[in-house]
Amino acid sequence: MADCIITMKSMTLAEKAKRAASAVGISARIVNIDPAVTKRGCAYGLTLSCGEAERLRGVLERKHIPYGELMGSGFFG
C-alpha cells in the first residue's frame, strides 16, 4: 500500500497524533516536511499507509487534534 502524509503544524501536534494512531493500532511515523510544499506551511507530518489515512483523520477529529492536509502517494513522485 502506498504511503500518505497527514501534515501537522508543530512537532507537539505530530507527537500527539502519533500516540493517537498507536492507540488504535495504526502504524505511523513523524517526518519533517519542507514548508514550501504544503498549502499552510506545515513543517511536520505523519507518514502512514494511505489505506489508514481516513481512519486516522477520524481519530484526530474525535480527539480534537488539529491537522492540515492529506498528501497522497503522488507527493512521493
C-alpha atoms as a PDB file:
ATOM      1  CA  MET A   1       0.000   0.000   0.000  1.00  0.00           C
ATOM      2  CA  ALA A   2       1.263   3.497  -0.815  1.00  0.00           C
ATOM      3  CA  ASP A   3       2.295   5.968   1.856  1.00  0.00           C
ATOM      4  CA  CYS A   4       0.462   9.202   2.592  1.00  0.00           C
ATOM      5  CA  ILE A   5       1.283  12.124   4.870  1.00  0.00           C
ATOM      6  CA  ILE A   6      -1.077  13.983   7.170  1.00  0.00           C
ATOM      7  CA  THR A   7       0.510  17.382   7.809  1.00  0.00           C
ATOM      8  CA  MET A   8       0.767  18.981  11.243  1.00  0.00           C
ATOM      9  CA  LYS A   9       1.869  22.486  12.130  1.00  0.00           C
ATOM     10  CA  SER A  10       4.034  21.544  15.116  1.00  0.00           C
ATOM     11  CA  MET A  11       6.121  18.707  16.462  1.00  0.00           C
ATOM     12  CA  THR A  12       3.912  18.635  19.572  1.00  0.00           C
ATOM     13  CA  LEU A  13       0.795  18.007  17.475  1.00  0.00           C
ATOM     14  CA  ALA A  14       2.634  15.395  15.418  1.00  0.00           C
ATOM     15  CA  GLU A  15       3.619  13.567  18.617  1.00  0.00           C
ATOM     16  CA  LYS A  16       0.027  13.677  19.928  1.00  0.00           C
ATOM     17  CA  ALA A  17      -1.243  12.378  16.598  1.00  0.00           C
ATOM     18  CA  LYS A  18       1.315   9.565  16.576  1.00  0.00           C
ATOM     19  CA  ARG A  19       0.231   8.477  20.068  1.00  0.00           C
ATOM     20  CA  ALA A  20      -3.427   8.588  18.981  1.00  0.00           C
ATOM     21  CA  ALA A  21      -2.586   6.470  15.931  1.00  0.00           C
ATOM     22  CA  SER A  22      -0.689   3.942  18.012  1.00  0.00           C
ATOM     23  CA  ALA A  23      -3.577   3.678  20.484  1.00  0.00           C
ATOM     24  CA  VAL A  24      -5.865   2.399  17.702  1.00  0.00           C
ATOM     25  CA  GLY A  25      -3.270   0.175  16.050  1.00  0.00           C
ATOM     26  CA  ILE A  26      -2.238   2.455  13.182  1.00  0.00           C
ATOM     27  CA  SER A  27       1.471   2.448  12.371  1.00  0.00           C
ATOM     28  CA  ALA A  28       2.742   5.972  11.661  1.00  0.00           C
ATOM     29  CA  ARG A  29       5.988   7.865  11.933  1.00  0.00           C
ATOM     30  CA  ILE A  30       6.806  11.553  12.219  1.00  0.00           C
ATOM     31  CA  VAL A  31       8.567  13.194   9.279  1.00  0.00           C
ATOM     32  CA  ASN A  32       9.880  16.690   8.563  1.00  0.00           C
ATOM     33  CA  ILE A  33       8.266  18.379   5.576  1.00  0.00           C
ATOM     34  CA  ASP A  34       9.594  21.289   3.546  1.00  0.00           C
ATOM     35  CA  PRO A  35       7.091  24.081   4.393  1.00  0.00           C
ATOM     36  CA  ALA A  36       7.193  25.210   0.751  1.00  0.00           C
ATOM     37  CA  VAL A  37       5.356  22.066  -0.412  1.00  0.00           C
ATOM     38  CA  THR A  38       2.289  22.445   1.815  1.00  0.00           C
ATOM     39  CA  LYS A  39      -0.566  24.903   1.428  1.00  0.00           C
ATOM     40  CA  ARG A  40      -0.378  26.070   5.045  1.00  0.00           C
ATOM     41  CA  GLY A  41       3.371  25.950   5.616  1.00  0.00           C
ATOM     42  CA  CYS A  42       3.123  22.900   7.871  1.00  0.00           C
ATOM     43  CA  ALA A  43       6.567  21.585   8.721  1.00  0.00           C
ATOM     44  CA  TYR A  44       5.811  18.161  10.223  1.00  0.00           C
ATOM     45  CA  GLY A  45       3.651  15.251   9.325  1.00  0.00           C
ATOM     46  CA  LEU A  46       2.779  11.652   9.956  1.00  0.00           C
ATOM     47  CA  THR A  47       3.510   9.169   7.237  1.00  0.00           C
ATOM     48  CA  LEU A  48       1.268   6.133   7.151  1.00  0.00           C
ATOM     49  CA  SER A  49      -0.471   3.741   4.809  1.00  0.00           C
ATOM     50  CA  CYS A  50      -2.925   5.606   2.577  1.00  0.00           C
ATOM     51  CA  GLY A  51      -5.424   2.884   3.459  1.00  0.00           C
ATOM     52  CA  GLU A  52      -5.333   4.055   7.102  1.00  0.00           C
ATOM     53  CA  ALA A  53      -5.282   7.817   6.436  1.00  0.00           C
ATOM     54  CA  GLU A  54      -9.048   8.419   6.537  1.00  0.00           C
ATOM     55  CA  ARG A  55      -9.367   6.295   9.662  1.00  0.00           C
ATOM     56  CA  LEU A  56      -6.648   8.333  11.387  1.00  0.00           C
ATOM     57  CA  ARG A  57      -8.288  11.603  10.339  1.00  0.00           C
ATOM     58  CA  GLY A  58     -11.446  10.426  12.094  1.00  0.00           C
ATOM     59  CA  VAL A  59      -9.452   9.592  15.227  1.00  0.00           C
ATOM     60  CA  LEU A  60      -7.768  13.011  15.184  1.00  0.00           C
ATOM     61  CA  GLU A  61     -11.117  14.775  14.814  1.00  0.00           C
ATOM     62  CA  ARG A  62     -12.648  12.819  17.711  1.00  0.00           C
ATOM     63  CA  LYS A  63      -9.642  13.673  19.891  1.00  0.00           C
ATOM     64  CA  HIS A  64      -9.671  17.342  18.756  1.00  0.00           C
ATOM     65  CA  ILE A  65      -6.111  17.142  17.419  1.00  0.00           C
ATOM     66  CA  PRO A  66      -5.835  19.672  14.577  1.00  0.00           C
ATOM     67  CA  TYR A  67      -4.169  18.609  11.345  1.00  0.00           C
ATOM     68  CA  GLY A  68      -3.504  20.098   7.936  1.00  0.00           C
ATOM     69  CA  GLU A  69      -3.808  18.468   4.574  1.00  0.00           C
ATOM     70  CA  LEU A  70      -3.616  14.869   3.434  1.00  0.00           C
ATOM     71  CA  MET A  71      -0.861  14.415   0.885  1.00  0.00           C
ATOM     72  CA  GLY A  72      -1.385  11.293  -1.216  1.00  0.00           C
ATOM     73  CA  SER A  73       1.039   8.876  -2.756  1.00  0.00           C
ATOM     74  CA  GLY A  74       1.542  11.212  -5.741  1.00  0.00           C
ATOM     75  CA  PHE A  75       3.509  13.507  -3.432  1.00  0.00           C
ATOM     76  CA  PHE A  76       6.336  10.970  -3.337  1.00  0.00           C
ATOM     77  CA  GLY A  77       6.926  11.040  -7.068  1.00  0.00           C
END
